[in-house]
Amino acid sequence: MPDDGLISGDNPFKKDLVEGIDFYYNEDGYKVFTEAYHLKRGYCCQNNCKHCPYGFRDKLKKPKQE
């Protein structure tokens, strides 16, 4: 898997990531961060993450029209 540039720089939450705990690769080869990673990071990035524990995905759902 090519380096996607996410594990570099001074961000302490992107160093020492553990595959299977902090992230996994989906069937298309993309890195998907887990709920555990998001909680460790401590805030919502508002990027519609699949495992967002902060409810951002729920806020994007539109109410059903009758």
N, C-alpha and C. Protein backbone atom coordinates (compact mmCIF):
# COMPACT_ATOMS: atom_id res chain seq x y z
N MET A 1 0.86 -1.18 0.00
CA MET A 1 0.00 0.00 0.00
C MET A 1 0.89 1.23 0.00
N PRO A 2 0.66 2.18 -0.89
CA PRO A 2 1.48 3.38 -0.95
C PRO A 2 1.25 4.27 0.26
N ASP A 3 2.28 5.05 0.58
CA ASP A 3 2.17 5.99 1.70
C ASP A 3 1.19 7.09 1.32
N ASP A 4 0.13 7.26 2.11
CA ASP A 4 -0.87 8.27 1.78
C ASP A 4 -0.58 9.61 2.43
N GLY A 5 0.55 9.71 3.12
CA GLY A 5 0.95 10.98 3.72
C GLY A 5 0.23 11.31 5.01
N LEU A 6 -0.62 10.42 5.52
CA LEU A 6 -1.38 10.72 6.72
C LEU A 6 -0.59 10.52 8.00
N ILE A 7 0.48 9.74 7.94
CA ILE A 7 1.23 9.45 9.16
C ILE A 7 2.55 10.21 9.11
N SER A 8 2.46 11.51 9.06
CA SER A 8 3.66 12.33 9.04
C SER A 8 3.35 13.65 9.72
N GLY A 9 4.37 14.45 9.91
CA GLY A 9 4.17 15.75 10.53
C GLY A 9 4.19 15.65 12.04
N ASP A 10 3.67 16.69 12.68
CA ASP A 10 3.72 16.78 14.13
C ASP A 10 2.43 16.39 14.82
N ASN A 11 1.46 15.87 14.11
CA ASN A 11 0.20 15.49 14.72
C ASN A 11 0.39 14.21 15.53
N PRO A 12 0.31 14.27 16.87
CA PRO A 12 0.56 13.08 17.69
C PRO A 12 -0.49 11.99 17.51
N PHE A 13 -1.65 12.33 16.98
CA PHE A 13 -2.71 11.34 16.82
C PHE A 13 -2.57 10.54 15.53
N LYS A 14 -1.65 10.91 14.67
CA LYS A 14 -1.44 10.17 13.44
C LYS A 14 -0.12 9.40 13.46
N LYS A 15 0.57 9.42 14.57
CA LYS A 15 1.79 8.63 14.74
C LYS A 15 1.45 7.35 15.49
N ASP A 16 2.17 6.32 15.20
CA ASP A 16 2.01 5.05 15.91
C ASP A 16 0.60 4.49 15.82
N LEU A 17 -0.02 4.61 14.65
CA LEU A 17 -1.33 4.03 14.45
C LEU A 17 -1.21 2.52 14.36
N VAL A 18 -2.19 1.82 14.91
CA VAL A 18 -2.19 0.36 14.91
C VAL A 18 -3.32 -0.12 13.99
N GLU A 19 -2.93 -0.84 12.93
CA GLU A 19 -3.94 -1.37 12.02
C GLU A 19 -4.83 -2.35 12.78
N GLY A 20 -6.12 -2.25 12.58
CA GLY A 20 -7.08 -3.10 13.27
C GLY A 20 -7.63 -2.47 14.54
N ILE A 21 -6.93 -1.47 15.06
CA ILE A 21 -7.41 -0.75 16.25
C ILE A 21 -7.75 0.69 15.88
N ASP A 22 -6.79 1.37 15.28
CA ASP A 22 -6.99 2.77 14.90
C ASP A 22 -7.55 2.92 13.49
N PHE A 23 -7.29 1.96 12.62
CA PHE A 23 -7.76 2.05 11.24
C PHE A 23 -7.77 0.66 10.62
N TYR A 24 -8.39 0.58 9.46
CA TYR A 24 -8.33 -0.61 8.63
C TYR A 24 -8.41 -0.15 7.18
N TYR A 25 -8.09 -1.04 6.26
CA TYR A 25 -8.20 -0.74 4.85
C TYR A 25 -9.48 -1.36 4.32
N ASN A 26 -10.29 -0.56 3.60
CA ASN A 26 -11.53 -1.10 3.06
C ASN A 26 -11.25 -1.85 1.76
N GLU A 27 -12.29 -2.36 1.14
CA GLU A 27 -12.14 -3.20 -0.05
C GLU A 27 -11.55 -2.43 -1.23
N ASP A 28 -11.61 -1.10 -1.20
CA ASP A 28 -11.03 -0.28 -2.26
C ASP A 28 -9.60 0.17 -1.93
N GLY A 29 -9.09 -0.24 -0.77
CA GLY A 29 -7.73 0.11 -0.38
C GLY A 29 -7.59 1.42 0.38
N TYR A 30 -8.71 2.05 0.71
CA TYR A 30 -8.66 3.30 1.46
C TYR A 30 -8.51 3.02 2.96
N LYS A 31 -7.78 3.90 3.63
CA LYS A 31 -7.63 3.80 5.07
C LYS A 31 -8.88 4.37 5.72
N VAL A 32 -9.50 3.60 6.63
CA VAL A 32 -10.71 4.02 7.32
C VAL A 32 -10.40 4.07 8.81
N PHE A 33 -10.55 5.24 9.40
CA PHE A 33 -10.28 5.38 10.83
C PHE A 33 -11.45 4.84 11.65
N THR A 34 -11.13 4.19 12.75
CA THR A 34 -12.13 3.57 13.61
C THR A 34 -12.65 4.57 14.64
N GLU A 35 -13.71 4.16 15.33
CA GLU A 35 -14.24 4.98 16.41
C GLU A 35 -13.18 5.20 17.49
N ALA A 36 -12.38 4.17 17.76
CA ALA A 36 -11.32 4.29 18.78
C ALA A 36 -10.33 5.39 18.41
N TYR A 37 -9.96 5.47 17.14
CA TYR A 37 -9.05 6.54 16.70
C TYR A 37 -9.69 7.90 16.90
N HIS A 38 -10.93 8.04 16.48
CA HIS A 38 -11.61 9.34 16.60
C HIS A 38 -11.71 9.78 18.06
N LEU A 39 -12.01 8.84 18.95
CA LEU A 39 -12.08 9.18 20.38
C LEU A 39 -10.71 9.56 20.92
N LYS A 40 -9.68 8.89 20.46
CA LYS A 40 -8.31 9.23 20.89
C LYS A 40 -7.94 10.63 20.41
N ARG A 41 -8.36 10.97 19.18
CA ARG A 41 -8.07 12.30 18.63
C ARG A 41 -8.81 13.37 19.42
N GLY A 42 -10.06 13.09 19.80
CA GLY A 42 -10.76 13.98 20.72
C GLY A 42 -11.67 15.04 20.13
N TYR A 43 -11.86 15.06 18.83
CA TYR A 43 -12.75 16.05 18.25
C TYR A 43 -13.24 15.56 16.89
N CYS A 44 -14.32 16.17 16.42
CA CYS A 44 -14.89 15.83 15.12
C CYS A 44 -14.26 16.70 14.04
N CYS A 45 -13.83 16.07 12.96
CA CYS A 45 -13.23 16.81 11.84
C CYS A 45 -14.28 17.24 10.82
N GLN A 46 -15.51 16.79 10.97
CA GLN A 46 -16.64 17.12 10.10
C GLN A 46 -16.40 16.72 8.65
N ASN A 47 -15.73 15.57 8.46
CA ASN A 47 -15.49 15.04 7.12
C ASN A 47 -16.40 13.86 6.81
N ASN A 48 -17.46 13.67 7.58
CA ASN A 48 -18.43 12.60 7.36
C ASN A 48 -17.77 11.23 7.49
N CYS A 49 -16.94 11.05 8.49
CA CYS A 49 -16.24 9.78 8.71
C CYS A 49 -17.23 8.66 9.01
N LYS A 50 -16.94 7.50 8.48
CA LYS A 50 -17.83 6.34 8.63
C LYS A 50 -18.06 5.97 10.10
N HIS A 51 -17.04 6.07 10.93
CA HIS A 51 -17.14 5.64 12.33
C HIS A 51 -17.10 6.82 13.31
N CYS A 52 -17.65 7.95 12.90
CA CYS A 52 -17.64 9.14 13.76
C CYS A 52 -18.46 8.92 15.02
N PRO A 53 -17.82 9.03 16.21
CA PRO A 53 -18.56 8.86 17.46
C PRO A 53 -19.21 10.15 17.95
N TYR A 54 -19.03 11.22 17.18
CA TYR A 54 -19.53 12.53 17.62
C TYR A 54 -20.87 12.90 16.99
N GLY A 55 -21.45 12.01 16.20
CA GLY A 55 -22.78 12.24 15.65
C GLY A 55 -22.83 13.09 14.40
N PHE A 56 -21.70 13.39 13.79
CA PHE A 56 -21.72 14.25 12.61
C PHE A 56 -22.50 13.61 11.47
N ARG A 57 -22.35 12.31 11.25
CA ARG A 57 -23.08 11.62 10.17
C ARG A 57 -24.59 11.73 10.40
N ASP A 58 -25.02 11.64 11.64
CA ASP A 58 -26.44 11.75 11.96
C ASP A 58 -26.98 13.13 11.62
N LYS A 59 -26.17 14.15 11.79
CA LYS A 59 -26.60 15.52 11.51
C LYS A 59 -26.80 15.74 10.01
N LEU A 60 -26.13 14.94 9.18
CA LEU A 60 -26.26 15.10 7.74
C LEU A 60 -27.48 14.43 7.16
N LYS A 61 -28.08 13.51 7.92
CA LYS A 61 -29.26 12.82 7.43
C LYS A 61 -30.43 13.81 7.33
N LYS A 62 -31.09 13.76 6.21
CA LYS A 62 -32.22 14.66 6.01
C LYS A 62 -33.50 14.00 6.53
N PRO A 63 -34.40 14.78 7.11
CA PRO A 63 -35.67 14.21 7.56
C PRO A 63 -36.47 13.69 6.35
N LYS A 64 -37.22 12.64 6.58
CA LYS A 64 -38.03 12.06 5.50
C LYS A 64 -39.15 13.02 5.12
N GLN A 65 -39.35 13.16 3.83
CA GLN A 65 -40.44 13.99 3.32
C GLN A 65 -41.69 13.13 3.20
N GLU A 66 -42.82 13.64 3.63
CA GLU A 66 -44.09 12.89 3.52
C GLU A 66 -44.87 13.33 2.31
